Protein backbone atom coordinates (compact mmCIF):
# COMPACT_ATOMS: atom_id res chain seq x y z
CA UNK A 1 -0.01 0.10 -0.17
CA UNK A 2 2.93 2.14 0.56
CA UNK A 3 3.51 2.50 -3.36
CA UNK A 4 -0.27 3.82 -4.05
CA UNK A 5 0.28 6.41 -1.02
CA UNK A 6 3.72 7.65 -2.36
CA UNK A 7 1.67 7.90 -5.88
CA UNK A 8 -1.37 9.87 -4.53
CA UNK A 9 0.80 11.83 -2.46
CA UNK A 10 2.99 12.98 -5.94
CA UNK A 11 -0.03 13.05 -7.94
CA UNK A 12 -1.56 15.91 -5.44
CA UNK A 13 1.57 17.53 -5.28
CA UNK A 14 2.41 17.90 -8.95
CA UNK A 15 -1.25 18.61 -9.60
CA UNK A 16 -0.75 21.46 -6.99
CA UNK A 17 1.82 23.05 -8.91
CA UNK A 18 0.01 23.01 -11.68
CA UNK A 19 1.59 20.23 -13.96
CA UNK A 20 -0.60 18.41 -16.18
CA UNK A 21 -2.86 14.97 -15.04
CA UNK A 22 -2.71 13.99 -18.74
CA UNK A 23 1.47 13.32 -18.34
CA UNK A 24 2.17 12.99 -14.68
CA UNK A 25 -0.66 10.26 -14.54
CA UNK A 26 0.92 7.44 -16.89
CA UNK A 27 4.43 8.70 -15.23
CA UNK A 28 3.12 8.31 -11.72
CA UNK A 29 1.42 4.91 -13.11
CA UNK A 30 4.42 3.62 -13.79
CA UNK A 31 6.38 4.49 -10.56
CA UNK A 32 3.83 2.84 -8.38
CA UNK A 33 3.95 0.01 -10.50
CA UNK A 34 7.67 -0.13 -9.92
CA UNK A 35 7.19 0.06 -6.11
CA UNK A 36 4.63 -2.59 -6.39
CA UNK A 37 6.77 -5.08 -8.28
CA UNK A 38 4.99 -5.15 -11.75
CA UNK A 39 6.11 -4.80 -14.46
CA UNK A 40 6.32 -1.28 -15.51
CA UNK A 41 5.50 -1.11 -19.58
CA UNK A 42 2.91 -4.27 -19.55
CA UNK A 43 1.32 -2.44 -16.38
CA UNK A 44 1.48 1.15 -18.88
CA UNK A 45 0.19 -0.26 -21.89
CA UNK A 46 -2.67 -3.34 -20.87
CA UNK A 47 -3.74 -2.02 -17.39
CA UNK A 48 -3.12 2.00 -17.74
CA UNK A 49 -4.41 2.48 -21.54
CA UNK A 50 -7.14 -0.07 -20.96
CA UNK A 51 -8.75 2.15 -18.64
CA UNK A 52 -7.68 5.13 -19.91
CA UNK A 53 -9.84 3.95 -23.32
CA UNK A 54 -12.56 2.45 -21.68
CA UNK A 55 -13.40 5.44 -20.04
CA UNK A 56 -13.04 7.55 -23.20
CA UNK A 57 -15.27 4.95 -24.66
CA UNK A 58 -17.93 4.87 -22.53
CA UNK A 59 -18.16 8.53 -21.91
CA UNK A 60 -16.53 10.78 -24.85
CA UNK A 61 -19.84 11.61 -26.64
CA UNK A 62 -20.97 12.74 -23.90
CA UNK A 63 -18.23 14.95 -23.34
CA UNK A 64 -18.05 15.94 -26.98
CA UNK A 65 -21.87 16.65 -27.17
CA UNK A 66 -22.36 18.64 -24.07
CA UNK A 67 -19.42 21.16 -25.26
CA UNK A 68 -20.96 21.45 -28.65
CA UNK A 69 -24.19 22.15 -26.89
CA UNK A 70 -22.49 24.83 -24.75
CA UNK A 71 -20.51 26.43 -27.11
CA UNK A 72 -23.40 27.08 -29.68
CA UNK A 73 -25.56 28.44 -26.44
CA UNK A 74 -22.63 30.75 -26.30
CA UNK A 75 -22.29 31.69 -29.92
CA UNK A 76 -25.55 32.17 -30.55
CA UNK A 77 -26.20 34.45 -27.49
CA UNK A 78 -29.16 31.94 -26.43
CA UNK A 79 -26.89 31.87 -22.95
CA UNK A 80 -26.52 35.45 -22.66
CA UNK A 81 -30.38 36.07 -23.20
CA UNK A 82 -31.27 33.28 -20.76
CA UNK A 83 -28.81 35.30 -18.15
CA UNK A 84 -29.93 38.89 -19.04
CA UNK A 85 -33.91 37.93 -18.93
CA UNK A 86 -33.32 36.28 -15.18
CA UNK A 87 -31.65 39.50 -13.85
CA UNK A 88 -34.29 41.64 -15.39
CA UNK A 89 -36.89 39.96 -13.30
CA UNK A 90 -34.20 39.52 -10.16
CA UNK A 91 -33.34 43.23 -10.11
CA UNK A 92 -29.73 44.51 -10.81
CA UNK A 93 -29.07 45.44 -7.17
CA UNK A 94 -29.22 41.90 -6.56
CA UNK A 95 -26.08 41.22 -8.24
CA UNK A 96 -25.02 37.67 -7.19
CA UNK A 97 -28.39 36.28 -6.95
CA UNK A 98 -28.86 36.92 -10.43
CA UNK A 99 -25.71 35.91 -11.41
CA UNK A 100 -26.09 32.61 -9.22
CA UNK A 101 -29.48 31.76 -10.81
CA UNK A 102 -28.40 32.21 -14.06
CA UNK A 103 -25.24 30.14 -13.67
CA UNK A 104 -27.28 27.59 -12.50
CA UNK A 105 -30.18 27.41 -15.01
CA UNK A 106 -27.44 27.18 -17.64
CA UNK A 107 -25.68 24.04 -16.08
CA UNK A 108 -29.21 22.30 -15.12
CA UNK A 109 -29.84 22.71 -18.73
CA UNK A 110 -26.85 20.70 -19.96
CA UNK A 111 -24.16 23.59 -21.16
CA UNK A 112 -20.69 22.57 -19.20
CA UNK A 113 -19.77 24.69 -16.30
CA UNK A 114 -16.52 26.51 -18.32
CA UNK A 115 -18.83 27.19 -20.72
CA UNK A 116 -21.33 29.21 -18.50
CA UNK A 117 -18.35 30.88 -17.17
CA UNK A 118 -17.04 32.54 -20.65
CA UNK A 119 -21.00 33.27 -21.63
CA UNK A 120 -22.19 35.15 -17.97
CA UNK A 121 -18.62 36.61 -17.00
CA UNK A 122 -19.54 40.06 -19.21
CA UNK A 123 -23.02 40.14 -17.72
CA UNK A 124 -21.65 39.39 -14.25
CA UNK A 125 -19.33 42.30 -14.30
CA UNK A 126 -21.78 44.70 -15.49
CA UNK A 127 -23.59 43.79 -12.39
CA UNK A 128 -21.33 44.05 -9.97
CA UNK A 129 -20.37 47.22 -11.56
CA UNK A 130 -24.00 48.22 -10.90
CA UNK A 131 -24.52 47.18 -7.48
CA UNK A 132 -21.10 48.74 -6.41
CA UNK A 133 -19.95 44.85 -5.34
CA UNK A 134 -15.81 44.11 -5.18
CA UNK A 135 -14.97 42.19 -8.01
CA UNK A 136 -13.36 39.63 -5.30
CA UNK A 137 -16.98 37.66 -4.90
CA UNK A 138 -17.03 36.88 -8.41
CA UNK A 139 -15.51 33.55 -8.46
CA UNK A 140 -16.77 32.70 -5.49
CA UNK A 141 -20.45 33.66 -7.04
CA UNK A 142 -19.80 31.45 -10.37
CA UNK A 143 -18.52 28.49 -8.44
CA UNK A 144 -21.79 28.69 -6.77
CA UNK A 145 -23.69 28.88 -9.54
CA UNK A 146 -22.26 26.45 -11.36
CA UNK A 147 -19.87 24.11 -9.62
CA UNK A 148 -22.01 22.84 -6.66
CA UNK A 149 -25.50 22.13 -6.35
CA UNK A 150 -26.83 21.89 -10.21
CA UNK A 151 -23.77 20.04 -10.45
CA UNK A 152 -24.06 17.09 -8.62
CA UNK A 153 -26.92 17.43 -6.42
CA UNK A 154 -30.56 18.60 -8.00
CA UNK A 155 -32.36 15.39 -9.45
CA UNK A 156 -32.03 14.88 -13.35
CA UNK A 157 -29.27 16.92 -13.75
CA UNK A 158 -27.54 16.33 -16.71
CA UNK A 159 -23.99 16.90 -15.93
CA UNK A 160 -21.30 14.56 -15.87
CA UNK A 161 -21.16 14.13 -11.91
CA UNK A 162 -24.28 12.73 -12.10
CA UNK A 163 -24.13 10.93 -15.10
CA UNK A 164 -21.55 8.65 -13.99
CA UNK A 165 -22.43 6.75 -10.90
CA UNK A 166 -25.42 5.35 -13.32
CA UNK A 167 -22.98 3.00 -14.48
CA UNK A 168 -22.23 1.28 -11.28
CA UNK A 169 -25.32 1.31 -9.53
CA UNK A 170 -27.74 1.04 -12.04
CA UNK A 171 -29.42 3.74 -11.32
CA UNK A 172 -31.03 7.01 -13.02
CA UNK A 173 -30.49 10.94 -13.21
CA UNK A 174 -33.14 11.62 -10.69
CA UNK A 175 -31.50 8.90 -8.27
CA UNK A 176 -32.33 9.75 -4.57
CA UNK A 177 -34.23 12.97 -5.09
CA UNK A 178 -35.18 13.81 -1.56
CA UNK A 179 -31.32 13.91 -0.82
CA UNK A 180 -30.37 15.58 -4.08
CA UNK A 181 -32.87 18.24 -2.92
CA UNK A 182 -31.59 18.64 0.59
CA UNK A 183 -28.10 18.99 -0.53
CA UNK A 184 -29.07 21.19 -3.13
CA UNK A 185 -30.79 23.51 -0.67
CA UNK A 186 -28.22 23.36 1.99
CA UNK A 187 -25.53 24.20 -0.79
CA UNK A 188 -27.54 27.16 -2.40
CA UNK A 189 -29.35 28.79 0.47
CA UNK A 190 -26.01 28.14 2.52
CA UNK A 191 -23.84 29.57 -0.36
CA UNK A 192 -26.05 32.54 -1.26
CA UNK A 193 -26.39 33.70 2.48
CA UNK A 194 -22.25 33.27 2.49
CA UNK A 195 -21.65 35.48 0.00
CA UNK A 196 -23.97 38.16 1.31
CA UNK A 197 -22.49 38.14 4.40
CA UNK A 198 -19.00 38.53 2.37
CA UNK A 199 -20.41 41.27 0.51
CA UNK A 200 -21.78 43.55 3.82
CA UNK A 201 -18.18 43.08 4.75
CA UNK A 202 -16.49 44.40 2.02
CA UNK A 203 -18.73 46.94 2.05
CA UNK A 204 -17.80 48.56 5.17
CA UNK A 205 -14.23 48.02 4.52
CA UNK A 206 -15.09 50.29 1.60
CA UNK A 207 -13.93 47.29 -0.70
CA UNK A 208 -16.17 48.37 -3.89
CA UNK A 209 -16.12 47.70 -7.88
CA UNK A 210 -13.14 48.20 -9.54
CA UNK A 211 -12.74 47.81 -13.16
CA UNK A 212 -10.96 44.80 -14.26
CA UNK A 213 -7.40 45.38 -16.05
CA UNK A 214 -7.29 45.80 -19.80
CA UNK A 215 -6.93 41.90 -20.57
CA UNK A 216 -9.64 41.10 -18.63
CA UNK A 217 -12.21 43.98 -19.64
CA UNK A 218 -15.32 43.30 -21.36
CA UNK A 219 -17.39 44.74 -24.15
CA UNK A 220 -21.02 45.63 -23.21
CA UNK A 221 -23.51 43.49 -24.56
CA UNK A 222 -26.32 45.09 -26.88
CA UNK A 223 -29.37 43.20 -25.26
CA UNK A 224 -31.02 44.32 -28.36
CA UNK A 225 -29.31 41.74 -30.62
CA UNK A 226 -30.03 38.53 -28.08
CA UNK A 227 -31.91 36.20 -29.56
CA UNK A 228 -36.16 35.37 -27.56
CA UNK A 229 -35.56 34.53 -24.24
CA UNK A 230 -37.97 31.78 -24.71
CA UNK A 231 -36.29 30.15 -27.61
CA UNK A 232 -33.39 30.35 -25.81
CA UNK A 233 -34.75 28.45 -22.73
CA UNK A 234 -36.52 25.97 -24.94
CA UNK A 235 -33.78 23.95 -25.92
CA UNK A 236 -32.43 23.53 -22.36
CA UNK A 237 -35.46 22.38 -20.83
CA UNK A 238 -36.00 20.09 -23.95
CA UNK A 239 -32.53 18.10 -22.80
CA UNK A 240 -33.81 17.75 -18.98
CA UNK A 241 -37.20 16.72 -20.17
CA UNK A 242 -36.22 14.19 -22.55
CA UNK A 243 -33.64 12.99 -20.52
CA UNK A 244 -35.49 12.35 -17.46
CA UNK A 245 -39.44 12.15 -18.18
CA UNK A 246 -38.86 10.25 -21.52
CA UNK A 247 -36.06 8.74 -20.33
CA UNK A 248 -33.89 9.28 -23.35
CA UNK A 249 -30.37 8.54 -22.82
CA UNK A 250 -28.04 11.87 -22.38
CA UNK A 251 -26.83 11.69 -26.14
CA UNK A 252 -30.03 11.68 -27.87
CA UNK A 253 -30.58 14.13 -25.52
CA UNK A 254 -28.24 16.92 -26.30
CA UNK A 255 -28.71 16.02 -29.99
CA UNK A 256 -31.92 17.04 -29.69
CA UNK A 257 -31.61 20.16 -27.56
CA UNK A 258 -28.29 21.10 -30.21
CA UNK A 259 -30.56 20.55 -33.01
CA UNK A 260 -33.77 23.06 -31.84
CA UNK A 261 -31.61 25.72 -30.52
CA UNK A 262 -29.76 25.95 -34.30
CA UNK A 263 -33.35 25.90 -35.77
CA UNK A 264 -34.22 28.35 -33.60
CA UNK A 265 -31.05 30.48 -34.73
CA UNK A 266 -30.99 29.28 -38.37
CA UNK A 267 -30.46 32.82 -39.35
CA UNK A 268 -26.70 32.30 -38.40
CA UNK A 269 -25.95 29.14 -39.41
CA UNK A 270 -22.57 30.29 -41.40
CA UNK A 271 -21.66 30.59 -37.75
CA UNK A 272 -22.49 26.91 -36.90
CA UNK A 273 -19.70 25.12 -38.07
CA UNK A 274 -17.05 26.88 -36.09
CA UNK A 275 -19.07 26.65 -33.03
CA UNK A 276 -19.33 22.97 -33.64
CA UNK A 277 -15.66 22.58 -34.05
CA UNK A 278 -14.75 24.90 -31.17
CA UNK A 279 -16.72 22.64 -28.97
CA UNK A 280 -15.26 19.51 -30.21
CA UNK A 281 -11.88 20.65 -29.83
CA UNK A 282 -12.75 21.95 -25.93
CA UNK A 283 -14.42 18.79 -25.18
CA UNK A 284 -11.24 16.47 -25.94
CA UNK A 285 -8.89 18.27 -23.52
CA UNK A 286 -11.92 17.47 -20.87
CA UNK A 287 -12.41 14.00 -21.55
CA UNK A 288 -8.50 13.35 -21.45
CA UNK A 289 -8.13 14.62 -18.53
CA UNK A 290 -10.72 12.80 -16.75
CA UNK A 291 -9.56 9.80 -18.33
CA UNK A 292 -5.91 9.67 -17.15
CA UNK A 293 -7.23 10.29 -13.95
CA UNK A 294 -9.29 6.90 -14.38
CA UNK A 295 -6.30 5.20 -16.10
CA UNK A 296 -3.90 5.81 -12.89
CA UNK A 297 -7.45 4.31 -10.73
CA UNK A 298 -7.00 1.52 -12.59
CA UNK A 299 -3.18 1.01 -12.05
CA UNK A 300 -3.98 1.49 -8.49
CA UNK A 301 -6.64 -1.45 -8.34
CA UNK A 302 -4.69 -3.58 -10.18
CA UNK A 303 -1.86 -3.19 -7.61
CA UNK A 304 -0.78 -6.13 -4.88
CA UNK A 305 -1.34 -3.50 -2.21
CA UNK A 306 -5.04 -2.37 -3.14
CA UNK A 307 -6.59 -4.88 -1.36
CA UNK A 308 -5.14 -3.41 1.98
CA UNK A 309 -6.39 -0.03 0.73
CA UNK A 310 -9.77 -1.16 0.13
CA UNK A 311 -9.99 -2.96 3.08
CA UNK A 312 -9.07 0.21 4.97
CA UNK A 313 -11.45 2.61 3.39
CA UNK A 314 -14.49 -0.10 3.63
CA UNK A 315 -13.60 -0.94 6.99
CA UNK A 316 -13.84 3.12 7.93
CA UNK A 317 -16.24 3.29 11.05
CA UNK A 318 -19.85 3.39 10.30
CA UNK A 319 -21.95 3.39 7.75
CA UNK A 320 -20.42 2.19 4.32
CA UNK A 321 -22.28 5.76 2.74
CA UNK A 322 -19.20 7.39 4.85
CA UNK A 323 -16.18 5.37 3.69
CA UNK A 324 -17.45 6.21 0.10
CA UNK A 325 -18.49 9.73 0.35
CA UNK A 326 -14.68 10.17 2.08
CA UNK A 327 -12.95 8.24 -0.43
CA UNK A 328 -14.34 9.72 -3.57
CA UNK A 329 -14.08 13.47 -1.72
CA UNK A 330 -10.46 12.68 -0.84
CA UNK A 331 -9.79 11.22 -4.75
CA UNK A 332 -11.38 14.39 -6.29
CA UNK A 333 -9.64 16.69 -4.45
CA UNK A 334 -6.39 15.08 -5.14
CA UNK A 335 -7.05 14.77 -8.96
CA UNK A 336 -8.25 18.26 -9.18
CA UNK A 337 -11.58 17.01 -10.83
CA UNK A 338 -14.74 15.92 -9.57
CA UNK A 339 -15.21 13.63 -12.53
CA UNK A 340 -11.79 12.39 -12.52
CA UNK A 341 -11.44 11.70 -8.33
CA UNK A 342 -14.89 10.14 -8.72
CA UNK A 343 -14.18 7.55 -11.82
CA UNK A 344 -11.16 6.79 -9.73
CA UNK A 345 -13.05 5.87 -6.81
CA UNK A 346 -15.91 4.14 -8.22
CA UNK A 347 -13.83 1.97 -10.98
CA UNK A 348 -11.60 0.90 -7.64
CA UNK A 349 -14.57 0.47 -5.42
CA UNK A 350 -17.99 0.65 -7.01
CA UNK A 351 -18.64 -3.13 -7.67
CA UNK A 352 -17.56 -3.49 -3.85
CA UNK A 353 -19.92 -0.54 -2.85
CA UNK A 354 -22.83 -1.81 -4.69
CA UNK A 355 -22.13 -5.44 -3.84
CA UNK A 356 -22.43 -4.10 -0.01
CA UNK A 357 -25.93 -2.28 -1.10
CA UNK A 358 -27.19 -5.32 -2.19
CA UNK A 359 -26.06 -7.20 0.83
CA UNK A 360 -27.21 -4.70 3.69
CA UNK A 361 -30.26 -3.69 1.98
CA UNK A 362 -29.22 0.07 1.19
CA UNK A 363 -30.51 1.90 -1.84
CA UNK A 364 -28.10 1.57 -4.63
CA UNK A 365 -29.37 5.39 -4.95
CA UNK A 366 -28.01 6.66 -1.97
CA UNK A 367 -24.61 5.98 -3.27
CA UNK A 368 -24.96 7.34 -6.42
CA UNK A 369 -26.60 10.65 -4.60
CA UNK A 370 -23.41 10.66 -2.26
CA UNK A 371 -20.99 9.31 -4.74
CA UNK A 372 -21.86 12.80 -6.72
CA UNK A 373 -22.33 15.39 -3.95
CA UNK A 374 -19.23 14.08 -2.30
CA UNK A 375 -17.22 14.33 -5.82
CA UNK A 376 -18.28 18.12 -6.14
CA UNK A 377 -17.02 18.93 -2.31
CA UNK A 378 -13.48 18.62 -3.42
CA UNK A 379 -12.37 22.29 -4.49
CA UNK A 380 -8.76 22.62 -3.79
CA UNK A 381 -6.31 25.32 -5.08
CA UNK A 382 -5.12 23.20 -7.61
CA UNK A 383 -8.71 22.44 -9.42
CA UNK A 384 -8.85 22.96 -12.88
CA UNK A 385 -12.31 24.26 -13.08
CA UNK A 386 -10.87 26.97 -10.39
CA UNK A 387 -7.57 28.09 -12.70
CA UNK A 388 -9.97 28.52 -15.73
CA UNK A 389 -12.34 30.49 -13.68
CA UNK A 390 -9.36 32.37 -12.27
CA UNK A 391 -7.64 32.66 -15.64
CA UNK A 392 -11.02 34.73 -16.84
CA UNK A 393 -11.82 36.92 -14.07
CA UNK A 394 -8.42 37.85 -13.88
CA UNK A 395 -8.17 37.45 -10.12
CA UNK A 396 -6.79 34.92 -8.07
CA UNK A 397 -6.56 32.77 -4.72
CA UNK A 398 -5.75 35.62 -2.44
CA UNK A 399 -8.56 37.57 -3.61
CA UNK A 400 -11.04 35.17 -3.31
CA UNK A 401 -9.92 31.21 -2.16
CA UNK A 402 -11.38 31.65 0.98
CA UNK A 403 -14.77 31.78 -0.74
CA UNK A 404 -14.46 29.16 -2.85
CA UNK A 405 -13.39 27.25 -0.21
CA UNK A 406 -16.82 28.21 1.52
CA UNK A 407 -19.53 27.80 -1.20
CA UNK A 408 -17.33 24.73 -2.95
CA UNK A 409 -15.72 22.71 -0.18
CA UNK A 410 -16.92 23.49 3.45
CA UNK A 411 -20.81 23.52 3.32
CA UNK A 412 -20.98 20.98 -0.01
CA UNK A 413 -19.24 18.85 3.35
CA UNK A 414 -21.77 19.76 5.04
CA UNK A 415 -24.10 18.27 2.63
CA UNK A 416 -22.67 15.41 1.94
CA UNK A 417 -22.86 14.81 6.10
CA UNK A 418 -26.85 15.49 5.96
CA UNK A 419 -27.71 13.30 3.31
CA UNK A 420 -25.69 10.55 4.39
CA UNK A 421 -27.93 11.02 7.99
CA UNK A 422 -30.73 10.93 5.54
CA UNK A 423 -30.06 7.93 3.96
CA UNK A 424 -29.01 5.73 7.52
CA UNK A 425 -32.67 7.07 8.60
CA UNK A 426 -34.26 5.66 5.24
CA UNK A 427 -35.38 9.32 3.58
CA UNK A 428 -33.61 8.50 -0.26
C-alpha cells in the first residue's frame, strides 16, 4: 500500500503545482507499478491504457455533445439571453443572486460549467458594477452557481458528475430525489447567505467595484441583439425533459437540444460550423484529463497493495456511505477534478459498494447521490475548473480562495454529511 500512498501524494503535489494530469498520471502510474513489483511497460500498455480507453469509449460522446451544445448556446447568444432575462426579473441591485441563478439555470440545462463562466462573465461584471460590489466575490458566485448544487445534487441534472454513478449502481439521473434536493438547498441557500455576508463585510471596509485590467475587460452586450429568451430556454428544457421524463439516454437528449437550438437560430447557420468545431476541440482536453485520472485508478486497483487500501476504506467506522463519501471526496480533491476523482473511486470500489448495497439492503440510489455530491465537495487550490475561473476573471487565490473554500468545499461537505444521515434514516 506504500506505493499507492506515494503515488497519490506525488499526484496531488504535482497537480497542485499546476502540472498537467495528462502526463503525470501515466508517469506516476509507472512509479506505482515499479514500487509494487509490477512490470512497468505491460502495466502502462495493458492496465493504464485499458482504463483510459474504456472511460473515453464510454463517456467521450457525452463530453463531445455537451461541449458542442454549450458552445452553440454561447455563440448564438442564447446563454446570454437567458442570463439577462433572469437578472431583469431579479433586479440589477441583487447582482449576486442574479449571477447565481443564471449560472445554475444554464448548468442544469446541460451547458458545460466552463462555457457558463465565459458566457456570463460580461453580464456578471456589468451587474457587479451596477451594484457596486467588489469583484473579489465574482469567483465565489460563479463557483456556487455552476460548480456545486446543479452539477451534483439536483435530481435530473445532465452534468457528467450525475451520470457516471449510473454505470456502477444501475440508477437514473433522478436517483435519490429527497437527498438531492436537501443537498441542493443546503449548498444554494447556505452559499448565498455566506456571499451576502461577505458582501456586507467588504462594503463596510469600503472595498467596492473596481474595473478589471485591460486583459480582462469586457465589451458591453447589446440586449436588443440577443435571441428571444423563450426560444433560448426551450433547448435547455428539452435536454432536461427528454432525459428525465422520456428516459432518453443523454446522447440523443443533447443532440435534440442542439438541433432545436440551431433551428431557432437558423439565420446564423454560417456560424454553426465554427461553434461545433470549437466545442469539439474543447471537449477533447476535458475527456483526456478525466480518462488519465481513471487510468491511474486502474493501475492502483491492479496493484498488490490495493486490497489493503480497499479494506482500510471499506472499514472506515460507521455507515458504508461514509467510507464511499470520504474516498471519493479525497480522490476528487487530489486529482483536482470531480469527475476524475469519482472515476478513480468508482472504478476501484464501485463494484464492492454495489455488493454492499445489495447485501445490507441499502438503496443504490443513496450511493449514487452521495458519490455525486461528494465528488463536487472537493475544490482545492489546484482544481482545474477553479484555475479556468481565475484565468477568465483575472483574479487569484489571494483575492477569493477563502470564498471558494466556503461555497465549494465546506458547505458541500456539510451537505454530504446531512444526506448520509438522511439515507441512514431511510429518506432517499
